[in-house]
Amino acid sequence: MSLDPALLARAVALLQAGELVALPTETVYGLGADASNPAAVAKIFAAKGRPADHPLIVHLPGDAWLEQWATDIPQAAWDLAEAFWPGPLTLILKKQPWVPDAVTGGQDTVGLRVPGHPVALELLKAFADAGSHGRHAGGIAAPSANRFGRISPTTAAHVQEELGDRVPLILDGGPCQVGIESTIIDLSRGRPEILRPGHIGPQRLAEVLGDLPAMHQSQGAPRVSGSLESHYAPVTPVRLLAPERLLDFLTLQRHAGVSCGVLAYNQPAQAGMPHLWHMLPADPAGYAHDLYGALRDLDHQRLDLIVVEAPPDSPAWSAVQDRLRRAAA
């Protein structure tokens, strides 16, 4: 997949001018701006309604750009970059002094990744070659292209629905391959620690690091994207239920006249149940890929409640569990 040259040139020109461009990545669609330009970054926060102290992830054309944005880079960062970039892994590192506070939320760390989508990489490389801010060019800050706290977009149509004319250009790269946000691992404080689970799980990281990283945000950990208690949420309330409680709960809702949408992976729809039923794949990668689209579809149905059959409590499902827990908060 490659961008039309005229469209690519327009996207680069908009970024150089301090404007926003929505771009596809393998995780979700991002709302991009020149990460070296605080005024441009401010437009991301305004378009999303995002709190100013919530840090952004900077997308880079390749790992060769790491040293421009980060300092005191440990060997583990280079090893992880070699193993997983381009791909859905964000590294939290000590930032270079020049990196704008608007990107880092005023912290001394910055989140960096190289996305694994051909359109994103093509744009990043063209933007870096254009040299908008001299040696600091090449980084595009790109949180998910949706209103803050809502369901992340996995198609260009979702971006249009969420932001409309708040973004001058939406690059259509097709449906996102992964479907949930990147794994975030903190390498700024010694022992690696996962601050947000994602497609790349602890075991795969351990194969590179030689040891399992810690899994929970400890005291003093940097603030990162997607770490608030309520996030990734539809407007319709979400209720998570253990599989053995699902049918009894739905029967009660039926008798009470409550309209429900159901996300299940194991329990098929039952005869006589009036509720809308979405069966998602029973494997964590497939479930993650389909999750946001299914939530968005149910959110359009004017339901009273979205009921989710809770997925298995296992490390392989940790990223899905994280997104569902925040959606239900």
C-alpha atoms as a PDB file:
ATOM      1  CA  MET A   1       0.000   0.000   0.000  1.00  0.00           C
ATOM      2  CA  SER A   2       1.400   3.364  -1.026  1.00  0.00           C
ATOM      3  CA  LEU A   3       0.090   6.921  -0.954  1.00  0.00           C
ATOM      4  CA  ASP A   4      -0.587   8.925  -4.079  1.00  0.00           C
ATOM      5  CA  PRO A   5       2.417  11.304  -4.398  1.00  0.00           C
ATOM      6  CA  ALA A   6       0.179  14.382  -4.459  1.00  0.00           C
ATOM      7  CA  LEU A   7      -1.637  13.230  -1.328  1.00  0.00           C
ATOM      8  CA  LEU A   8       1.651  12.486   0.419  1.00  0.00           C
ATOM      9  CA  ALA A   9       2.958  15.949  -0.490  1.00  0.00           C
ATOM     10  CA  ARG A  10      -0.226  17.542   0.852  1.00  0.00           C
ATOM     11  CA  ALA A  11       0.057  15.614   4.127  1.00  0.00           C
ATOM     12  CA  VAL A  12       3.681  16.685   4.611  1.00  0.00           C
ATOM     13  CA  ALA A  13       2.832  20.314   3.790  1.00  0.00           C
ATOM     14  CA  LEU A  14       0.020  20.312   6.346  1.00  0.00           C
ATOM     15  CA  LEU A  15       2.298  18.895   9.042  1.00  0.00           C
ATOM     16  CA  GLN A  16       4.984  21.455   8.221  1.00  0.00           C
ATOM     17  CA  ALA A  17       2.368  24.198   8.500  1.00  0.00           C
ATOM     18  CA  GLY A  18       1.445  23.036  11.998  1.00  0.00           C
ATOM     19  CA  GLU A  19      -1.814  21.360  10.985  1.00  0.00           C
ATOM     20  CA  LEU A  20      -3.287  17.962  11.868  1.00  0.00           C
ATOM     21  CA  VAL A  21      -3.263  14.824   9.707  1.00  0.00           C
ATOM     22  CA  ALA A  22      -4.998  11.580  10.702  1.00  0.00           C
ATOM     23  CA  LEU A  23      -2.927   8.562   9.740  1.00  0.00           C
ATOM     24  CA  PRO A  24      -3.336   4.790   9.888  1.00  0.00           C
ATOM     25  CA  THR A  25      -1.092   2.639  12.025  1.00  0.00           C
ATOM     26  CA  GLU A  26      -1.209  -1.097  12.607  1.00  0.00           C
ATOM     27  CA  THR A  27      -2.775  -0.475  16.060  1.00  0.00           C
ATOM     28  CA  VAL A  28      -5.390   2.298  15.651  1.00  0.00           C
ATOM     29  CA  TYR A  29      -5.665   5.483  13.601  1.00  0.00           C
ATOM     30  CA  GLY A  30      -3.635   8.365  15.016  1.00  0.00           C
ATOM     31  CA  LEU A  31      -4.230  12.123  15.048  1.00  0.00           C
ATOM     32  CA  GLY A  32      -0.844  13.400  13.932  1.00  0.00           C
ATOM     33  CA  ALA A  33       1.024  16.679  14.331  1.00  0.00           C
ATOM     34  CA  ASP A  34       4.648  17.788  14.168  1.00  0.00           C
ATOM     35  CA  ALA A  35       5.930  16.644  17.561  1.00  0.00           C
ATOM     36  CA  SER A  36       8.626  19.329  17.604  1.00  0.00           C
ATOM     37  CA  ASN A  37       6.066  22.145  17.248  1.00  0.00           C
ATOM     38  CA  PRO A  38       4.215  22.927  20.511  1.00  0.00           C
ATOM     39  CA  ALA A  39       1.567  24.990  18.721  1.00  0.00           C
ATOM     40  CA  ALA A  40       0.805  22.073  16.402  1.00  0.00           C
ATOM     41  CA  VAL A  41       0.700  19.631  19.319  1.00  0.00           C
ATOM     42  CA  ALA A  42      -1.762  21.937  21.094  1.00  0.00           C
ATOM     43  CA  LYS A  43      -4.180  21.398  18.189  1.00  0.00           C
ATOM     44  CA  ILE A  44      -4.232  17.670  18.997  1.00  0.00           C
ATOM     45  CA  PHE A  45      -5.368  18.410  22.539  1.00  0.00           C
ATOM     46  CA  ALA A  46      -7.984  20.884  21.331  1.00  0.00           C
ATOM     47  CA  ALA A  47      -9.409  18.540  18.680  1.00  0.00           C
ATOM     48  CA  LYS A  48      -9.629  15.586  21.078  1.00  0.00           C
ATOM     49  CA  GLY A  49     -10.588  17.487  24.227  1.00  0.00           C
ATOM     50  CA  ARG A  50      -7.568  15.831  25.823  1.00  0.00           C
ATOM     51  CA  PRO A  51      -6.188  16.941  29.236  1.00  0.00           C
ATOM     52  CA  ALA A  52      -3.010  18.980  28.777  1.00  0.00           C
ATOM     53  CA  ASP A  53      -0.989  16.857  31.210  1.00  0.00           C
ATOM     54  CA  HIS A  54      -1.719  13.600  29.354  1.00  0.00           C
ATOM     55  CA  PRO A  55       1.450  12.665  27.426  1.00  0.00           C
ATOM     56  CA  LEU A  56       1.584  11.724  23.756  1.00  0.00           C
ATOM     57  CA  ILE A  57       3.497   9.041  21.868  1.00  0.00           C
ATOM     58  CA  VAL A  58       5.938  10.247  19.214  1.00  0.00           C
ATOM     59  CA  HIS A  59       6.099   8.131  16.060  1.00  0.00           C
ATOM     60  CA  LEU A  60       9.483   7.927  14.339  1.00  0.00           C
ATOM     61  CA  PRO A  61      10.612   6.832  10.854  1.00  0.00           C
ATOM     62  CA  GLY A  62      13.081   4.304  12.283  1.00  0.00           C
ATOM     63  CA  ASP A  63      15.216   3.464  15.308  1.00  0.00           C
ATOM     64  CA  ALA A  64      18.022   5.629  13.946  1.00  0.00           C
ATOM     65  CA  TRP A  65      15.987   8.593  15.218  1.00  0.00           C
ATOM     66  CA  LEU A  66      15.917   7.405  18.832  1.00  0.00           C
ATOM     67  CA  GLU A  67      18.930   9.439  19.926  1.00  0.00           C
ATOM     68  CA  GLN A  68      17.406  12.656  18.608  1.00  0.00           C
ATOM     69  CA  TRP A  69      14.456  12.284  20.974  1.00  0.00           C
ATOM     70  CA  ALA A  70      15.820  10.271  23.919  1.00  0.00           C
ATOM     71  CA  THR A  71      18.895  10.280  26.119  1.00  0.00           C
ATOM     72  CA  ASP A  72      20.479   7.733  28.468  1.00  0.00           C
ATOM     73  CA  ILE A  73      19.152   4.982  26.213  1.00  0.00           C
ATOM     74  CA  PRO A  74      19.745   1.553  27.781  1.00  0.00           C
ATOM     75  CA  GLN A  75      20.810  -1.451  25.722  1.00  0.00           C
ATOM     76  CA  ALA A  76      17.397  -2.999  26.373  1.00  0.00           C
ATOM     77  CA  ALA A  77      15.794  -0.244  24.285  1.00  0.00           C
ATOM     78  CA  TRP A  78      17.978  -1.009  21.285  1.00  0.00           C
ATOM     79  CA  ASP A  79      17.329  -4.734  21.688  1.00  0.00           C
ATOM     80  CA  LEU A  80      13.553  -4.240  21.830  1.00  0.00           C
ATOM     81  CA  ALA A  81      13.622  -1.840  18.887  1.00  0.00           C
ATOM     82  CA  GLU A  82      15.539  -4.361  16.809  1.00  0.00           C
ATOM     83  CA  ALA A  83      13.124  -7.139  17.735  1.00  0.00           C
ATOM     84  CA  PHE A  84       9.773  -5.348  17.451  1.00  0.00           C
ATOM     85  CA  TRP A  85      10.085  -2.182  15.340  1.00  0.00           C
ATOM     86  CA  PRO A  86       8.332  -1.366  13.141  1.00  0.00           C
ATOM     87  CA  GLY A  87       5.529  -2.624  15.354  1.00  0.00           C
ATOM     88  CA  PRO A  88       3.120  -2.084  18.248  1.00  0.00           C
ATOM     89  CA  LEU A  89       5.632  -1.352  21.017  1.00  0.00           C
ATOM     90  CA  THR A  90       6.207   2.034  22.682  1.00  0.00           C
ATOM     91  CA  LEU A  91       9.376   2.668  24.673  1.00  0.00           C
ATOM     92  CA  ILE A  92       9.363   5.167  27.565  1.00  0.00           C
ATOM     93  CA  LEU A  93      12.796   6.773  27.796  1.00  0.00           C
ATOM     94  CA  LYS A  94      14.432   9.861  29.271  1.00  0.00           C
ATOM     95  CA  LYS A  95      13.771  12.715  26.848  1.00  0.00           C
ATOM     96  CA  GLN A  96      16.246  15.029  25.202  1.00  0.00           C
ATOM     97  CA  PRO A  97      16.104  18.502  26.813  1.00  0.00           C
ATOM     98  CA  TRP A  98      14.581  20.123  23.718  1.00  0.00           C
ATOM     99  CA  VAL A  99      11.526  17.817  23.510  1.00  0.00           C
ATOM    100  CA  PRO A 100       8.450  20.001  24.163  1.00  0.00           C
ATOM    101  CA  ASP A 101       6.590  19.684  27.454  1.00  0.00           C
ATOM    102  CA  ALA A 102       3.408  19.634  25.373  1.00  0.00           C
ATOM    103  CA  VAL A 103       4.407  16.160  24.162  1.00  0.00           C
ATOM    104  CA  THR A 104       5.570  14.744  27.492  1.00  0.00           C
ATOM    105  CA  GLY A 105       2.930  16.222  29.788  1.00  0.00           C
ATOM    106  CA  GLY A 106       5.734  18.092  31.554  1.00  0.00           C
ATOM    107  CA  GLN A 107       7.586  14.891  32.455  1.00  0.00           C
ATOM    108  CA  ASP A 108      11.251  14.096  31.850  1.00  0.00           C
ATOM    109  CA  THR A 109      10.335  11.024  29.770  1.00  0.00           C
ATOM    110  CA  VAL A 110       9.001  10.553  26.250  1.00  0.00           C
ATOM    111  CA  GLY A 111       7.137   7.689  24.586  1.00  0.00           C
ATOM    112  CA  LEU A 112       8.590   6.610  21.224  1.00  0.00           C
ATOM    113  CA  ARG A 113       7.696   4.005  18.636  1.00  0.00           C
ATOM    114  CA  VAL A 114       8.088   3.122  14.956  1.00  0.00           C
ATOM    115  CA  PRO A 115       4.671   2.101  13.597  1.00  0.00           C
ATOM    116  CA  GLY A 116       4.252  -1.004  11.471  1.00  0.00           C
ATOM    117  CA  HIS A 117       1.996   0.405   8.748  1.00  0.00           C
ATOM    118  CA  PRO A 118       3.307   1.248   5.261  1.00  0.00           C
ATOM    119  CA  VAL A 119       1.304   4.486   4.982  1.00  0.00           C
ATOM    120  CA  ALA A 120       2.484   5.736   8.373  1.00  0.00           C
ATOM    121  CA  LEU A 121       6.099   4.881   7.567  1.00  0.00           C
ATOM    122  CA  GLU A 122       5.891   6.527   4.166  1.00  0.00           C
ATOM    123  CA  LEU A 123       4.536   9.703   5.733  1.00  0.00           C
ATOM    124  CA  LEU A 124       7.101   9.701   8.539  1.00  0.00           C
ATOM    125  CA  LYS A 125      10.011   9.278   6.150  1.00  0.00           C
ATOM    126  CA  ALA A 126       8.735  11.986   3.787  1.00  0.00           C
ATOM    127  CA  PHE A 127       8.142  14.348   6.703  1.00  0.00           C
ATOM    128  CA  ALA A 128      11.632  13.692   8.063  1.00  0.00           C
ATOM    129  CA  ASP A 129      13.182  14.266   4.631  1.00  0.00           C
ATOM    130  CA  ALA A 130      11.313  17.592   4.402  1.00  0.00           C
ATOM    131  CA  GLY A 131      13.167  18.791   7.505  1.00  0.00           C
ATOM    132  CA  SER A 132      10.452  21.013   8.962  1.00  0.00           C
ATOM    133  CA  HIS A 133      12.368  21.913  12.121  1.00  0.00           C
ATOM    134  CA  GLY A 134      15.967  21.149  11.196  1.00  0.00           C
ATOM    135  CA  ARG A 135      17.524  18.308  13.134  1.00  0.00           C
ATOM    136  CA  HIS A 136      14.340  17.850  15.211  1.00  0.00           C
ATOM    137  CA  ALA A 137      12.191  16.889  12.249  1.00  0.00           C
ATOM    138  CA  GLY A 138      10.789  13.444  11.726  1.00  0.00           C
ATOM    139  CA  GLY A 139       8.636  12.891  14.789  1.00  0.00           C
ATOM    140  CA  ILE A 140       4.853  12.864  14.558  1.00  0.00           C
ATOM    141  CA  ALA A 141       2.897  12.934  17.810  1.00  0.00           C
ATOM    142  CA  ALA A 142      -0.171  10.793  17.167  1.00  0.00           C
ATOM    143  CA  PRO A 143      -2.598   9.709  19.881  1.00  0.00           C
ATOM    144  CA  SER A 144      -5.718   7.871  18.778  1.00  0.00           C
ATOM    145  CA  ALA A 145      -7.841   9.965  16.410  1.00  0.00           C
ATOM    146  CA  ASN A 146     -10.985  10.121  18.521  1.00  0.00           C
ATOM    147  CA  ARG A 147     -12.531  12.299  21.177  1.00  0.00           C
ATOM    148  CA  PHE A 148     -10.689  11.843  24.441  1.00  0.00           C
ATOM    149  CA  GLY A 149     -11.708   8.767  26.406  1.00  0.00           C
ATOM    150  CA  ARG A 150     -13.901   7.332  23.636  1.00  0.00           C
ATOM    151  CA  ILE A 151     -13.489   4.248  21.459  1.00  0.00           C
ATOM    152  CA  SER A 152     -10.314   4.333  19.384  1.00  0.00           C
ATOM    153  CA  PRO A 153     -10.823   4.351  15.583  1.00  0.00           C
ATOM    154  CA  THR A 154      -9.705   1.399  13.493  1.00  0.00           C
ATOM    155  CA  THR A 155     -10.891   2.705  10.094  1.00  0.00           C
ATOM    156  CA  ALA A 156     -10.762   6.069   8.350  1.00  0.00           C
ATOM    157  CA  ALA A 157     -14.570   6.217   8.553  1.00  0.00           C
ATOM    158  CA  HIS A 158     -14.340   6.009  12.352  1.00  0.00           C
ATOM    159  CA  VAL A 159     -12.008   9.043  12.334  1.00  0.00           C
ATOM    160  CA  GLN A 160     -14.429  11.012  10.186  1.00  0.00           C
ATOM    161  CA  GLU A 161     -17.266  10.073  12.522  1.00  0.00           C
ATOM    162  CA  GLU A 162     -15.297  11.105  15.606  1.00  0.00           C
ATOM    163  CA  LEU A 163     -13.574  14.294  14.487  1.00  0.00           C
ATOM    164  CA  GLY A 164     -15.130  15.416  11.207  1.00  0.00           C
ATOM    165  CA  ASP A 165     -13.740  18.744  10.037  1.00  0.00           C
ATOM    166  CA  ARG A 166     -11.507  19.108  13.110  1.00  0.00           C
ATOM    167  CA  VAL A 167      -8.812  17.348  11.067  1.00  0.00           C
ATOM    168  CA  PRO A 168      -7.915  18.761   7.627  1.00  0.00           C
ATOM    169  CA  LEU A 169      -6.794  15.449   6.130  1.00  0.00           C
ATOM    170  CA  ILE A 170      -7.537  11.800   6.890  1.00  0.00           C
ATOM    171  CA  LEU A 171      -5.255   9.273   5.193  1.00  0.00           C
ATOM    172  CA  ASP A 172      -7.099   6.027   4.526  1.00  0.00           C
ATOM    173  CA  GLY A 173      -4.905   2.981   5.040  1.00  0.00           C
ATOM    174  CA  GLY A 174      -7.682   0.432   5.406  1.00  0.00           C
ATOM    175  CA  PRO A 175      -8.683  -1.360   8.620  1.00  0.00           C
ATOM    176  CA  CYS A 176      -6.006  -1.545  11.315  1.00  0.00           C
ATOM    177  CA  GLN A 177      -4.306  -4.924  11.534  1.00  0.00           C
ATOM    178  CA  VAL A 178      -3.910  -5.120  15.342  1.00  0.00           C
ATOM    179  CA  GLY A 179      -6.910  -3.100  16.480  1.00  0.00           C
ATOM    180  CA  ILE A 180      -5.794  -2.015  19.983  1.00  0.00           C
ATOM    181  CA  GLU A 181      -3.097   0.400  21.109  1.00  0.00           C
ATOM    182  CA  SER A 182       0.589  -0.454  21.458  1.00  0.00           C
ATOM    183  CA  THR A 183       2.224  -2.105  24.424  1.00  0.00           C
ATOM    184  CA  ILE A 184       3.998   0.564  26.501  1.00  0.00           C
ATOM    185  CA  ILE A 185       7.132  -0.452  28.388  1.00  0.00           C
ATOM    186  CA  ASP A 186       9.036   1.891  30.694  1.00  0.00           C
ATOM    187  CA  LEU A 187      12.811   1.713  30.391  1.00  0.00           C
ATOM    188  CA  SER A 188      13.529   5.010  32.160  1.00  0.00           C
ATOM    189  CA  ARG A 189      13.884   3.742  35.743  1.00  0.00           C
ATOM    190  CA  GLY A 190      15.999   0.611  35.638  1.00  0.00           C
ATOM    191  CA  ARG A 191      13.969  -2.606  35.555  1.00  0.00           C
ATOM    192  CA  PRO A 192      11.600  -2.680  32.551  1.00  0.00           C
ATOM    193  CA  GLU A 193       7.923  -2.293  33.476  1.00  0.00           C
ATOM    194  CA  ILE A 194       4.830  -2.643  31.292  1.00  0.00           C
ATOM    195  CA  LEU A 195       2.646   0.437  31.798  1.00  0.00           C
ATOM    196  CA  ARG A 196       0.026  -0.530  29.205  1.00  0.00           C
ATOM    197  CA  PRO A 197      -0.477  -4.084  27.921  1.00  0.00           C
ATOM    198  CA  GLY A 198      -0.865  -4.621  24.208  1.00  0.00           C
ATOM    199  CA  HIS A 199      -0.399  -7.011  21.313  1.00  0.00           C
ATOM    200  CA  ILE A 200       3.210  -7.742  22.323  1.00  0.00           C
ATOM    201  CA  GLY A 201       2.877  -9.592  25.608  1.00  0.00           C
ATOM    202  CA  PRO A 202       5.244 -10.073  28.557  1.00  0.00           C
ATOM    203  CA  GLN A 203       6.548 -13.445  27.378  1.00  0.00           C
ATOM    204  CA  ARG A 204       7.634 -12.089  23.988  1.00  0.00           C
ATOM    205  CA  LEU A 205       9.329  -9.148  25.696  1.00  0.00           C
ATOM    206  CA  ALA A 206      11.070 -11.526  28.098  1.00  0.00           C
ATOM    207  CA  GLU A 207      12.556 -13.432  25.173  1.00  0.00           C
ATOM    208  CA  VAL A 208      14.478 -10.258  24.319  1.00  0.00           C
ATOM    209  CA  LEU A 209      15.054  -8.869  27.814  1.00  0.00           C
ATOM    210  CA  GLY A 210      16.042 -12.168  29.420  1.00  0.00           C
ATOM    211  CA  ASP A 211      13.482 -11.716  32.202  1.00  0.00           C
ATOM    212  CA  LEU A 212       9.776 -10.998  32.537  1.00  0.00           C
ATOM    213  CA  PRO A 213       9.105  -7.265  32.881  1.00  0.00           C
ATOM    214  CA  ALA A 214       6.970  -6.083  35.765  1.00  0.00           C
ATOM    215  CA  MET A 215       3.313  -5.864  34.782  1.00  0.00           C
ATOM    216  CA  HIS A 216       1.762  -3.116  36.890  1.00  0.00           C
ATOM    217  CA  GLN A 217       2.376   0.596  37.145  1.00  0.00           C
ATOM    218  CA  SER A 218       4.362   1.154  40.316  1.00  0.00           C
ATOM    219  CA  GLN A 219       4.703   4.307  42.375  1.00  0.00           C
ATOM    220  CA  GLY A 220       6.701   6.906  40.493  1.00  0.00           C
ATOM    221  CA  ALA A 221       6.028   5.425  37.052  1.00  0.00           C
ATOM    222  CA  PRO A 222       5.620   7.977  34.259  1.00  0.00           C
ATOM    223  CA  ARG A 223       2.113   8.885  33.167  1.00  0.00           C
ATOM    224  CA  VAL A 224       1.371   7.339  29.774  1.00  0.00           C
ATOM    225  CA  SER A 225      -1.367   7.327  27.159  1.00  0.00           C
ATOM    226  CA  GLY A 226      -4.420   5.221  27.959  1.00  0.00           C
ATOM    227  CA  SER A 227      -3.645   4.902  31.655  1.00  0.00           C
ATOM    228  CA  LEU A 228      -6.672   6.716  33.081  1.00  0.00           C
ATOM    229  CA  GLU A 229      -9.265   4.620  34.891  1.00  0.00           C
ATOM    230  CA  SER A 230     -11.963   5.368  32.320  1.00  0.00           C
ATOM    231  CA  HIS A 231     -10.874   5.120  28.686  1.00  0.00           C
ATOM    232  CA  TYR A 232     -11.726   3.477  25.345  1.00  0.00           C
ATOM    233  CA  ALA A 233     -15.386   3.889  26.305  1.00  0.00           C
ATOM    234  CA  PRO A 234     -18.590   4.025  24.284  1.00  0.00           C
ATOM    235  CA  VAL A 235     -21.332   6.456  25.303  1.00  0.00           C
ATOM    236  CA  THR A 236     -23.543   3.471  26.185  1.00  0.00           C
ATOM    237  CA  PRO A 237     -22.687   2.083  29.656  1.00  0.00           C
ATOM    238  CA  VAL A 238     -20.649  -1.137  29.655  1.00  0.00           C
ATOM    239  CA  ARG A 239     -21.041  -3.993  32.151  1.00  0.00           C
ATOM    240  CA  LEU A 240     -18.509  -6.820  32.412  1.00  0.00           C
ATOM    241  CA  LEU A 241     -19.890 -10.162  33.601  1.00  0.00           C
ATOM    242  CA  ALA A 242     -18.334 -13.532  34.349  1.00  0.00           C
ATOM    243  CA  PRO A 243     -19.447 -16.132  31.758  1.00  0.00           C
ATOM    244  CA  GLU A 244     -21.456 -18.129  34.305  1.00  0.00           C
ATOM    245  CA  ARG A 245     -23.520 -15.038  35.216  1.00  0.00           C
ATOM    246  CA  LEU A 246     -24.176 -13.790  31.683  1.00  0.00           C
ATOM    247  CA  LEU A 247     -27.447 -15.524  30.782  1.00  0.00           C
ATOM    248  CA  ASP A 248     -29.107 -14.974  34.165  1.00  0.00           C
ATOM    249  CA  PHE A 249     -28.241 -11.279  34.040  1.00  0.00           C
ATOM    250  CA  LEU A 250     -29.573 -10.904  30.496  1.00  0.00           C
ATOM    251  CA  THR A 251     -32.808 -12.651  31.458  1.00  0.00           C
ATOM    252  CA  LEU A 252     -33.289 -10.145  34.269  1.00  0.00           C
ATOM    253  CA  GLN A 253     -32.652  -7.260  31.876  1.00  0.00           C
ATOM    254  CA  ARG A 254     -35.172  -8.677  29.415  1.00  0.00           C
ATOM    255  CA  HIS A 255     -37.874  -8.837  32.080  1.00  0.00           C
ATOM    256  CA  ALA A 256     -37.011  -5.309  33.227  1.00  0.00           C
ATOM    257  CA  GLY A 257     -37.352  -3.964  29.681  1.00  0.00           C
ATOM    258  CA  VAL A 258     -33.658  -3.012  29.461  1.00  0.00           C
ATOM    259  CA  SER A 259     -32.291  -3.187  25.914  1.00  0.00           C
ATOM    260  CA  CYS A 260     -28.833  -4.734  25.778  1.00  0.00           C
ATOM    261  CA  GLY A 261     -26.102  -5.369  23.295  1.00  0.00           C
ATOM    262  CA  VAL A 262     -23.906  -8.365  24.045  1.00  0.00           C
ATOM    263  CA  LEU A 263     -20.244  -8.988  23.282  1.00  0.00           C
ATOM    264  CA  ALA A 264     -19.486 -12.678  23.742  1.00  0.00           C
ATOM    265  CA  TYR A 265     -16.692 -15.015  22.693  1.00  0.00           C
ATOM    266  CA  ASN A 266     -17.984 -18.315  24.062  1.00  0.00           C
ATOM    267  CA  GLN A 267     -21.712 -17.998  24.804  1.00  0.00           C
ATOM    268  CA  PRO A 268     -23.846 -18.037  21.628  1.00  0.00           C
ATOM    269  CA  ALA A 269     -27.099 -16.114  21.365  1.00  0.00           C
ATOM    270  CA  GLN A 270     -30.052 -17.813  23.037  1.00  0.00           C
ATOM    271  CA  ALA A 271     -33.499 -18.292  21.531  1.00  0.00           C
ATOM    272  CA  GLY A 272     -35.974 -15.821  22.964  1.00  0.00           C
ATOM    273  CA  MET A 273     -33.310 -13.283  23.923  1.00  0.00           C
ATOM    274  CA  PRO A 274     -34.176  -9.953  22.267  1.00  0.00           C
ATOM    275  CA  HIS A 275     -30.713  -8.513  22.785  1.00  0.00           C
ATOM    276  CA  LEU A 276     -28.271  -7.684  19.971  1.00  0.00           C
ATOM    277  CA  TRP A 277     -25.493 -10.266  20.042  1.00  0.00           C
ATOM    278  CA  HIS A 278     -21.929  -9.955  18.739  1.00  0.00           C
ATOM    279  CA  MET A 279     -19.768 -13.078  18.743  1.00  0.00           C
ATOM    280  CA  LEU A 280     -16.086 -12.141  18.786  1.00  0.00           C
ATOM    281  CA  PRO A 281     -13.186 -14.528  18.094  1.00  0.00           C
ATOM    282  CA  ALA A 282     -12.216 -16.768  20.995  1.00  0.00           C
ATOM    283  CA  ASP A 283      -8.498 -16.006  20.604  1.00  0.00           C
ATOM    284  CA  PRO A 284      -7.042 -12.820  22.145  1.00  0.00           C
ATOM    285  CA  ALA A 285      -5.522 -11.418  18.942  1.00  0.00           C
ATOM    286  CA  GLY A 286      -8.719 -11.917  16.951  1.00  0.00           C
ATOM    287  CA  TYR A 287     -10.832 -10.541  19.781  1.00  0.00           C
ATOM    288  CA  ALA A 288      -8.632  -7.452  20.081  1.00  0.00           C
ATOM    289  CA  HIS A 289      -8.785  -6.869  16.328  1.00  0.00           C
ATOM    290  CA  ASP A 290     -12.598  -6.835  16.347  1.00  0.00           C
ATOM    291  CA  LEU A 291     -13.242  -5.248  19.756  1.00  0.00           C
ATOM    292  CA  TYR A 292     -13.428  -1.533  18.996  1.00  0.00           C
ATOM    293  CA  GLY A 293     -15.476  -2.020  15.843  1.00  0.00           C
ATOM    294  CA  ALA A 294     -17.991  -4.157  17.748  1.00  0.00           C
ATOM    295  CA  LEU A 295     -18.227  -1.651  20.614  1.00  0.00           C
ATOM    296  CA  ARG A 296     -18.718   1.182  18.153  1.00  0.00           C
ATOM    297  CA  ASP A 297     -21.417  -0.733  16.285  1.00  0.00           C
ATOM    298  CA  LEU A 298     -23.361  -1.447  19.484  1.00  0.00           C
ATOM    299  CA  ASP A 299     -22.921   2.156  20.606  1.00  0.00           C
ATOM    300  CA  HIS A 300     -24.826   3.250  17.493  1.00  0.00           C
ATOM    301  CA  GLN A 301     -27.880   1.130  18.360  1.00  0.00           C
ATOM    302  CA  ARG A 302     -29.349   3.362  21.113  1.00  0.00           C
ATOM    303  CA  LEU A 303     -29.195   0.605  23.674  1.00  0.00           C
ATOM    304  CA  ASP A 304     -29.498   0.935  27.432  1.00  0.00           C
ATOM    305  CA  LEU A 305     -26.484  -1.242  28.182  1.00  0.00           C
ATOM    306  CA  ILE A 306     -23.610  -3.121  26.568  1.00  0.00           C
ATOM    307  CA  VAL A 307     -22.968  -6.410  28.369  1.00  0.00           C
ATOM    308  CA  VAL A 308     -19.610  -8.100  27.882  1.00  0.00           C
ATOM    309  CA  GLU A 309     -18.813 -11.728  28.615  1.00  0.00           C
ATOM    310  CA  ALA A 310     -15.566 -11.287  30.541  1.00  0.00           C
ATOM    311  CA  PRO A 311     -12.619 -12.919  28.763  1.00  0.00           C
ATOM    312  CA  PRO A 312     -10.344 -15.463  30.421  1.00  0.00           C
ATOM    313  CA  ASP A 313      -8.133 -14.290  33.270  1.00  0.00           C
ATOM    314  CA  SER A 314      -4.795 -15.137  31.716  1.00  0.00           C
ATOM    315  CA  PRO A 315      -1.683 -13.215  30.577  1.00  0.00           C
ATOM    316  CA  ALA A 316      -2.577 -13.745  26.908  1.00  0.00           C
ATOM    317  CA  TRP A 317      -5.794 -11.782  27.443  1.00  0.00           C
ATOM    318  CA  SER A 318      -4.289  -8.985  29.575  1.00  0.00           C
ATOM    319  CA  ALA A 319      -4.492  -6.300  26.860  1.00  0.00           C
ATOM    320  CA  VAL A 320      -8.145  -7.085  26.088  1.00  0.00           C
ATOM    321  CA  GLN A 321      -8.971  -7.168  29.807  1.00  0.00           C
ATOM    322  CA  ASP A 322      -7.299  -3.776  30.247  1.00  0.00           C
ATOM    323  CA  ARG A 323      -9.352  -2.154  27.470  1.00  0.00           C
ATOM    324  CA  LEU A 324     -12.634  -3.687  28.656  1.00  0.00           C
ATOM    325  CA  ARG A 325     -12.026  -2.736  32.289  1.00  0.00           C
ATOM    326  CA  ARG A 326     -11.424   0.891  31.325  1.00  0.00           C
ATOM    327  CA  ALA A 327     -14.401   0.905  28.932  1.00  0.00           C
ATOM    328  CA  ALA A 328     -16.616  -0.280  31.797  1.00  0.00           C
ATOM    329  CA  ALA A 329     -15.219   2.194  34.343  1.00  0.00           C
END
